[in-house]
Amino acid sequence: MGQTAVRDVMLGRRPAAESLLRGHPWVWAEAIGKSHGMGQGQAAPGEEVQVLAPDGTPLGRGLADPGSPIAVRMWTRRRDPIDGALWRSRVAHALELRAALFDGTRTDAVRLIHGEGDRMPGFVVDRYASVTVLRTDGDGAAARIADFVQALWPRLARMGVRSLVHRSGKKGEPPRLDRLEGAEPPETVRVEEHGVPFVVDLARGQKTGAFLDQRDNRRRVGELASARRVLNLFSYAGGFSIHAALGGATHVTSVDVAAAAHATAQASFQLAGVDPRAHAFVTADVQAFLEGARGRGETWDLVVSDPPSFAANERALPRALAAYRALHRGCAGVLATGGILCAASCSSHVHAEAFLSTLDDAALGGRALTVLELRGPGADHPVPAAFPEGRYLKFAVLA
């Protein structure tokens, strides 16, 4: 039998072709020529397509997502096919890299596959001890889950993983966990990062259950916390808080609007041998908490601010920057003399320079802090050099 013909998709503009040649993994729908579009009846979600430059030069192959602004996510160069051998080789490379990165680190909560960063756009896999959680981005990736699992599961099973689940669900709805391979997963699981134990809520937690991209930044906060009073804003499951407590903080105050997140944090404190009753867990809106604390004249020696994304898209950027400025001014208002401010942004639409503009002297109400470090995620979150959207996490340390 002959091979199935692969549909051609021709770009309408040369700059879009040049971006792909540099290694950017996305083809925007608006960049495709009108006569070679991705509309209804032309390409199915997950279908392999051949992307051509305006002059007909083959640029590579990708998976179609006709209902998305990102119409194609690129997998190969020129005319190389997206076949079983490619799936297996990409998975093998990603897992071997993580094995080398985390050997001997006493860490079993790791991002095993980071989508575009591992040249597998649309697929993210996080490992939590014996459980792995898959999340897909876009209908194209969702349509090819079976191909991905066929390449992934045999290697996971050899690594001692007992369960692979797919986490899905629309925004604002409870997450859904569907078992793909192995045993039914527990609702919560105990993990370690750099020897620090945590409880991860797989059933109700954010993303795949936890935010693994902040792992190394949590450890850094622990190093900075010795003999300091620490305030952790948007504390979620208390990752920064437990590192601070174990790092020698005299007291840690964790603030989050979700009381359920505090319960997970307190379970992690107990798991690590830290009495949660010796610290404070406050259920409150962060801005209201900061205003109240400033009114009382209360200060902390180390303030950590890790809010949810303020910019869901480019149009929201001005409003997001204003929100960061207001938040950071509030943080500066409760920072003790000689204190340290750690401020994070997880939005790809807020570039590093724009984020730093929300931490300058004017933004902080005249408080003159300087940037000691500008950090990102750990090495298990790689990113192609030509993919600035992948450098979403900024973690600034100022004093």
Protein backbone atom coordinates (compact mmCIF):
# COMPACT_ATOMS: atom_id res chain seq x y z
CA MET A 1 0.00 0.00 0.00
CA GLY A 2 1.25 3.51 -0.77
CA GLN A 3 1.64 6.25 1.78
CA THR A 4 -1.24 8.66 2.36
CA ALA A 5 -0.66 12.00 0.65
CA VAL A 6 0.20 14.84 3.00
CA ARG A 7 -1.74 18.06 2.52
CA ASP A 8 0.27 21.18 1.57
CA VAL A 9 -0.14 24.43 3.50
CA MET A 10 1.50 27.44 1.85
CA LEU A 11 2.48 30.55 3.77
CA GLY A 12 1.45 33.88 2.36
CA ARG A 13 4.38 35.91 3.70
CA ARG A 14 8.14 35.48 3.66
CA PRO A 15 8.71 36.67 7.28
CA ALA A 16 6.58 33.77 8.52
CA ALA A 17 8.78 31.34 6.58
CA GLU A 18 11.94 32.92 7.97
CA SER A 19 10.58 32.54 11.51
CA LEU A 20 10.11 28.79 10.96
CA LEU A 21 13.60 28.47 9.51
CA ARG A 22 14.99 30.00 12.71
CA GLY A 23 13.15 27.35 14.73
CA HIS A 24 9.92 29.02 15.85
CA PRO A 25 7.41 26.17 16.25
CA TRP A 26 4.14 27.93 15.43
CA VAL A 27 2.35 28.83 12.19
CA TRP A 28 -0.26 31.49 12.85
CA ALA A 29 -3.50 31.15 10.91
CA GLU A 30 -3.14 34.68 9.57
CA ALA A 31 0.23 33.78 8.00
CA ILE A 32 -1.27 31.12 5.71
CA GLY A 33 -2.12 32.09 2.13
CA LYS A 34 -5.82 32.46 1.47
CA SER A 35 -5.82 29.80 -1.23
CA HIS A 36 -4.04 27.34 1.09
CA GLY A 37 -5.97 27.91 4.31
CA MET A 38 -6.89 25.70 7.24
CA GLY A 39 -10.61 26.14 7.18
CA GLN A 40 -13.39 23.60 7.45
CA GLY A 41 -13.04 20.69 5.04
CA GLN A 42 -9.34 21.27 4.43
CA ALA A 43 -7.44 19.86 7.41
CA ALA A 44 -8.59 17.88 10.44
CA PRO A 45 -7.23 18.50 13.93
CA GLY A 46 -4.01 16.51 14.35
CA GLU A 47 -3.60 15.90 10.64
CA GLU A 48 0.00 15.94 9.40
CA VAL A 49 0.53 18.79 6.95
CA GLN A 50 3.46 19.96 4.80
CA VAL A 51 4.23 23.65 5.28
CA LEU A 52 5.64 25.48 2.24
CA ALA A 53 7.26 28.89 1.88
CA PRO A 54 5.57 31.36 -0.51
CA ASP A 55 7.92 30.16 -3.26
CA GLY A 56 7.03 26.51 -2.67
CA THR A 57 10.16 25.56 -0.70
CA PRO A 58 9.33 22.83 1.87
CA LEU A 59 9.88 24.19 5.38
CA GLY A 60 8.75 21.24 7.48
CA ARG A 61 5.79 19.26 8.69
CA GLY A 62 3.46 19.88 11.58
CA LEU A 63 0.13 18.95 13.13
CA ALA A 64 -2.89 20.98 12.06
CA ASP A 65 -5.17 22.77 14.51
CA PRO A 66 -7.64 24.53 12.21
CA GLY A 67 -9.82 25.95 14.99
CA SER A 68 -6.92 27.71 16.73
CA PRO A 69 -5.06 30.96 16.01
CA ILE A 70 -2.00 28.65 15.97
CA ALA A 71 -3.00 26.77 12.82
CA VAL A 72 0.00 24.43 12.70
CA ARG A 73 2.56 23.34 15.31
CA MET A 74 5.81 22.33 13.62
CA TRP A 75 7.55 19.00 14.27
CA THR A 76 10.09 18.46 11.48
CA ARG A 77 12.20 20.20 8.85
CA ARG A 78 11.84 20.00 5.06
CA ARG A 79 9.80 16.87 4.19
CA ASP A 80 10.70 14.68 7.17
CA PRO A 81 7.60 12.71 8.23
CA ILE A 82 5.90 12.67 11.63
CA ASP A 83 5.94 8.92 12.08
CA GLY A 84 6.28 6.38 14.89
CA ALA A 85 10.07 6.53 14.77
CA LEU A 86 9.97 10.30 15.30
CA TRP A 87 7.58 10.04 18.25
CA ARG A 88 9.83 7.45 19.89
CA SER A 89 13.08 9.34 19.31
CA ARG A 90 11.69 12.63 20.64
CA VAL A 91 10.34 10.93 23.77
CA ALA A 92 13.61 9.06 24.32
CA HIS A 93 15.71 12.22 24.03
CA ALA A 94 13.51 14.16 26.49
CA LEU A 95 13.50 11.40 29.12
CA GLU A 96 17.24 10.77 28.84
CA LEU A 97 17.89 14.49 29.32
CA ARG A 98 15.82 14.56 32.53
CA ALA A 99 17.56 11.47 33.85
CA ALA A 100 20.90 13.24 33.47
CA LEU A 101 19.63 16.54 34.92
CA PHE A 102 18.11 15.11 38.08
CA ASP A 103 20.35 12.17 38.89
CA GLY A 104 21.21 12.35 42.59
CA THR A 105 19.16 15.50 43.29
CA ARG A 106 16.55 13.76 45.49
CA THR A 107 13.87 15.14 43.16
CA ASP A 108 10.98 13.07 41.83
CA ALA A 109 8.68 15.89 40.71
CA VAL A 110 9.95 16.75 37.24
CA ARG A 111 8.65 18.01 33.90
CA LEU A 112 9.52 15.11 31.62
CA ILE A 113 8.28 16.65 28.38
CA HIS A 114 7.92 20.38 27.84
CA GLY A 115 6.02 20.71 24.59
CA GLU A 116 7.72 23.05 22.16
CA GLY A 117 10.92 22.99 24.22
CA ASP A 118 11.31 19.27 23.52
CA ARG A 119 10.15 19.64 19.90
CA MET A 120 6.83 17.98 20.78
CA PRO A 121 4.51 21.00 20.62
CA GLY A 122 1.20 20.67 22.39
CA PHE A 123 2.28 17.91 24.80
CA VAL A 124 3.34 18.42 28.44
CA VAL A 125 4.09 15.56 30.84
CA ASP A 126 4.86 16.05 34.53
CA ARG A 127 6.06 13.28 36.81
CA TYR A 128 4.99 13.14 40.44
CA ALA A 129 6.82 10.13 41.90
CA SER A 130 5.00 7.09 40.47
CA VAL A 131 2.31 9.11 38.66
CA THR A 132 2.67 11.01 35.37
CA VAL A 133 0.17 13.59 34.17
CA LEU A 134 -0.32 14.57 30.52
CA ARG A 135 -1.80 17.88 29.43
CA THR A 136 -2.44 18.76 25.79
CA ASP A 137 -2.68 22.21 24.26
CA GLY A 138 -5.01 22.49 21.28
CA ASP A 139 -7.25 20.09 19.42
CA GLY A 140 -4.37 18.99 17.18
CA ALA A 141 -2.40 17.50 20.06
CA ALA A 142 -5.52 16.04 21.66
CA ALA A 143 -6.27 14.16 18.43
CA ARG A 144 -2.85 12.47 18.54
CA ILE A 145 -2.77 11.32 22.18
CA ALA A 146 -2.79 7.66 21.15
CA ASP A 147 0.38 8.09 19.06
CA PHE A 148 2.08 9.94 21.89
CA VAL A 149 1.15 7.39 24.54
CA GLN A 150 2.30 4.51 22.35
CA ALA A 151 5.78 6.04 22.25
CA LEU A 152 5.80 7.23 25.89
CA TRP A 153 4.29 4.52 28.08
CA PRO A 154 6.81 1.69 27.52
CA ARG A 155 9.62 3.98 28.66
CA LEU A 156 7.65 5.27 31.64
CA ALA A 157 6.87 1.72 32.74
CA ARG A 158 10.58 0.86 32.63
CA MET A 159 11.24 3.90 34.84
CA GLY A 160 8.92 2.55 37.54
CA VAL A 161 5.96 4.83 36.75
CA ARG A 162 2.71 3.15 37.76
CA SER A 163 0.14 5.48 36.21
CA LEU A 164 -0.26 7.82 33.22
CA VAL A 165 -3.33 10.07 33.22
CA HIS A 166 -4.61 12.82 30.94
CA ARG A 167 -5.73 15.95 32.73
CA SER A 168 -8.26 18.07 30.90
CA GLY A 169 -11.11 20.46 31.56
CA LYS A 170 -12.34 23.85 30.50
CA LYS A 171 -11.40 26.99 32.37
CA GLY A 172 -13.59 27.46 35.42
CA GLU A 173 -14.58 23.79 35.54
CA PRO A 174 -13.19 21.09 37.85
CA PRO A 175 -10.29 19.22 36.22
CA ARG A 176 -10.87 15.79 34.79
CA LEU A 177 -8.37 12.93 35.15
CA ASP A 178 -8.62 10.13 32.60
CA ARG A 179 -6.41 7.08 33.09
CA LEU A 180 -4.45 6.31 29.91
CA GLU A 181 -2.17 3.51 31.12
CA GLY A 182 -1.35 1.72 34.36
CA ALA A 183 -3.14 1.95 37.69
CA GLU A 184 -5.76 4.44 38.79
CA PRO A 185 -3.92 7.41 40.33
CA PRO A 186 -4.43 8.59 43.91
CA GLU A 187 -5.98 11.99 44.52
CA THR A 188 -2.84 13.19 46.29
CA VAL A 189 0.77 12.07 46.08
CA ARG A 190 3.91 12.69 48.12
CA VAL A 191 6.91 14.01 46.17
CA GLU A 192 10.33 15.52 46.85
CA GLU A 193 12.20 18.40 45.25
CA HIS A 194 15.82 18.73 46.30
CA GLY A 195 14.98 16.55 49.30
CA VAL A 196 12.06 18.74 50.46
CA PRO A 197 8.78 16.75 50.72
CA PHE A 198 5.49 18.06 49.34
CA VAL A 199 1.91 16.96 48.98
CA VAL A 200 0.59 17.41 45.43
CA ASP A 201 -3.17 17.48 44.90
CA LEU A 202 -3.61 15.74 41.55
CA ALA A 203 -7.40 15.89 41.65
CA ARG A 204 -7.87 19.57 42.47
CA GLY A 205 -4.52 21.33 42.00
CA GLN A 206 -3.66 23.82 39.28
CA LYS A 207 -2.06 22.85 35.93
CA THR A 208 -1.00 19.20 36.27
CA GLY A 209 -1.20 19.40 40.08
CA ALA A 210 1.69 21.73 40.95
CA PHE A 211 3.89 24.44 39.45
CA LEU A 212 7.16 22.63 38.74
CA ASP A 213 8.65 25.61 36.89
CA GLN A 214 9.26 27.40 40.21
CA ARG A 215 11.21 24.51 41.78
CA ASP A 216 14.65 26.15 41.67
CA ASN A 217 13.21 29.52 42.67
CA ARG A 218 11.60 27.92 45.72
CA ARG A 219 14.99 26.56 46.71
CA ARG A 220 16.49 30.05 46.23
CA VAL A 221 13.90 31.54 48.56
CA GLY A 222 14.88 28.93 51.14
CA GLU A 223 18.49 30.07 50.85
CA LEU A 224 17.47 33.70 51.36
CA ALA A 225 15.05 33.10 54.25
CA SER A 226 17.45 32.39 57.11
CA ALA A 227 16.64 34.49 60.22
CA ARG A 228 14.03 36.50 58.28
CA ARG A 229 10.31 37.06 58.65
CA VAL A 230 8.80 35.93 55.34
CA LEU A 231 5.58 36.91 53.57
CA ASN A 232 4.43 34.62 50.74
CA LEU A 233 1.70 36.17 48.60
CA PHE A 234 -0.51 34.04 46.32
CA SER A 235 0.95 31.18 48.32
CA TYR A 236 -1.19 28.43 46.70
CA ALA A 237 0.08 25.07 48.05
CA GLY A 238 2.84 26.72 50.06
CA GLY A 239 5.94 25.76 48.07
CA PHE A 240 7.83 28.97 48.79
CA SER A 241 6.58 28.86 52.38
CA ILE A 242 7.87 25.39 53.21
CA HIS A 243 11.27 26.15 51.66
CA ALA A 244 11.44 29.37 53.68
CA ALA A 245 10.53 27.58 56.92
CA LEU A 246 13.09 24.85 56.33
CA GLY A 247 15.64 27.51 55.35
CA GLY A 248 15.49 29.03 58.81
CA ALA A 249 12.82 31.74 58.56
CA THR A 250 11.76 32.94 61.99
CA HIS A 251 8.13 33.11 60.84
CA VAL A 252 6.27 32.62 57.54
CA THR A 253 2.95 34.22 56.62
CA SER A 254 1.18 32.59 53.64
CA VAL A 255 -1.62 34.56 51.96
CA ASP A 256 -4.03 33.13 49.39
CA VAL A 257 -7.70 33.60 48.59
CA ALA A 258 -8.25 29.81 48.46
CA ALA A 259 -8.58 28.16 51.86
CA ALA A 260 -8.27 24.68 50.31
CA ALA A 261 -4.75 25.52 49.13
CA HIS A 262 -3.74 26.25 52.73
CA ALA A 263 -4.85 22.75 53.73
CA THR A 264 -2.45 21.25 51.18
CA ALA A 265 0.32 23.59 52.37
CA GLN A 266 -0.21 22.61 56.00
CA ALA A 267 -0.05 18.92 55.06
CA SER A 268 3.31 19.59 53.39
CA PHE A 269 4.56 21.41 56.50
CA GLN A 270 3.67 18.41 58.63
CA LEU A 271 5.27 16.03 56.14
CA ALA A 272 8.51 18.04 56.37
CA GLY A 273 8.46 18.04 60.17
CA VAL A 274 7.50 21.71 60.49
CA ASP A 275 4.64 22.62 62.83
CA PRO A 276 2.19 24.71 60.73
CA ARG A 277 0.81 26.23 63.95
CA ALA A 278 4.10 28.12 64.33
CA HIS A 279 3.32 30.02 61.13
CA ALA A 280 0.36 31.95 59.72
CA PHE A 281 -1.99 30.94 56.89
CA VAL A 282 -4.26 33.80 55.89
CA THR A 283 -7.24 33.41 53.56
CA ALA A 284 -7.63 36.85 52.01
CA ASP A 285 -7.42 38.90 48.84
CA VAL A 286 -3.76 39.88 48.49
CA GLN A 287 -4.30 43.58 47.80
CA ALA A 288 -6.69 43.90 50.74
CA PHE A 289 -4.19 42.09 52.95
CA LEU A 290 -1.36 44.42 51.88
CA GLU A 291 -3.45 47.53 52.51
CA GLY A 292 -4.38 46.27 55.97
CA ALA A 293 -0.81 45.30 56.84
CA ARG A 294 0.54 48.67 55.77
CA GLY A 295 -2.14 50.41 57.82
CA ARG A 296 -0.98 48.43 60.86
CA GLY A 297 2.67 49.24 60.15
CA GLU A 298 3.51 45.55 59.75
CA THR A 299 6.61 44.63 57.72
CA TRP A 300 8.49 41.53 56.57
CA ASP A 301 12.16 40.96 55.76
CA LEU A 302 11.47 38.83 52.69
CA VAL A 303 8.38 39.26 50.50
CA VAL A 304 7.53 36.75 47.75
CA SER A 305 4.89 37.61 45.15
CA ASP A 306 3.90 34.92 42.64
CA PRO A 307 0.49 35.91 41.21
CA PRO A 308 -1.50 34.15 38.49
CA SER A 309 -1.09 35.47 34.98
CA PHE A 310 -2.33 39.03 34.62
CA ALA A 311 -2.15 38.99 30.79
CA ALA A 312 -4.05 36.24 29.00
CA ASN A 313 -3.37 37.90 25.65
CA GLU A 314 -1.55 40.84 24.08
CA ARG A 315 -4.57 43.14 24.41
CA ALA A 316 -4.49 42.71 28.18
CA LEU A 317 -0.86 43.87 28.48
CA PRO A 318 -1.48 47.53 29.52
CA ARG A 319 -3.94 46.43 32.21
CA ALA A 320 -1.57 43.70 33.34
CA LEU A 321 1.38 46.07 33.74
CA ALA A 322 -0.80 48.44 35.76
CA ALA A 323 -1.83 45.51 38.00
CA TYR A 324 1.81 44.49 38.52
CA ARG A 325 2.76 48.08 39.43
CA ALA A 326 -0.03 48.28 42.01
CA LEU A 327 0.90 44.90 43.45
CA HIS A 328 4.62 45.66 43.62
CA ARG A 329 4.01 49.05 45.23
CA GLY A 330 1.96 47.25 47.86
CA CYS A 331 4.81 44.78 48.40
CA ALA A 332 7.32 47.61 48.80
CA GLY A 333 5.03 49.18 51.38
CA VAL A 334 5.39 46.19 53.70
CA LEU A 335 9.06 45.41 53.01
CA ALA A 336 11.32 46.11 55.97
CA THR A 337 14.43 48.25 55.62
CA GLY A 338 17.16 46.06 54.19
CA GLY A 339 14.59 43.51 53.05
CA ILE A 340 14.43 41.36 49.91
CA LEU A 341 11.59 41.35 47.37
CA CYS A 342 11.06 38.34 45.09
CA ALA A 343 8.55 39.12 42.33
CA ALA A 344 7.35 36.71 39.64
CA SER A 345 5.38 36.86 36.41
CA CYS A 346 4.17 33.78 34.54
CA SER A 347 2.77 35.56 31.47
CA SER A 348 4.51 35.14 28.10
CA HIS A 349 2.98 38.44 26.99
CA VAL A 350 4.92 40.33 29.68
CA HIS A 351 8.52 40.40 28.47
CA ALA A 352 11.37 40.74 30.94
CA GLU A 353 12.01 44.45 30.32
CA ALA A 354 8.32 45.28 30.65
CA PHE A 355 8.13 43.30 33.88
CA LEU A 356 11.17 45.07 35.31
CA SER A 357 9.49 48.40 34.53
CA THR A 358 6.92 47.46 37.18
CA LEU A 359 9.74 47.18 39.73
CA ASP A 360 11.59 50.44 39.11
CA ASP A 361 11.83 53.27 41.63
CA ALA A 362 8.70 55.03 40.39
CA ALA A 363 6.63 51.85 40.36
CA LEU A 364 7.70 51.09 43.94
CA GLY A 365 6.66 54.50 45.18
CA GLY A 366 10.20 55.82 45.46
CA ARG A 367 11.59 52.72 47.14
CA ALA A 368 15.08 52.28 45.64
CA LEU A 369 15.66 48.57 45.14
CA THR A 370 18.12 47.01 42.71
CA VAL A 371 17.85 43.75 40.79
CA LEU A 372 20.19 41.11 42.20
CA GLU A 373 18.96 38.24 40.03
CA LEU A 374 16.53 37.67 37.17
CA ARG A 375 15.72 33.99 37.08
CA GLY A 376 13.48 31.69 35.04
CA PRO A 377 12.30 28.10 35.29
CA GLY A 378 14.49 25.05 35.82
CA ALA A 379 16.35 23.12 33.15
CA ASP A 380 13.45 20.69 32.73
CA HIS A 381 11.59 23.57 31.01
CA PRO A 382 13.80 24.05 27.91
CA VAL A 383 12.92 26.51 25.15
CA PRO A 384 14.11 26.96 21.54
CA ALA A 385 16.19 30.09 21.04
CA ALA A 386 13.76 31.41 18.42
CA PHE A 387 10.69 30.97 20.64
CA PRO A 388 10.37 33.98 22.97
CA GLU A 389 6.84 32.94 23.93
CA GLY A 390 8.42 30.01 25.73
CA ARG A 391 10.36 32.28 28.08
CA TYR A 392 7.26 33.09 30.06
CA LEU A 393 8.48 32.88 33.66
CA LYS A 394 10.37 35.78 35.23
CA PHE A 395 11.51 35.69 38.86
CA ALA A 396 13.24 38.86 40.02
CA VAL A 397 15.17 39.14 43.28
CA LEU A 398 15.61 42.73 44.48
CA ALA A 399 17.15 44.36 47.54
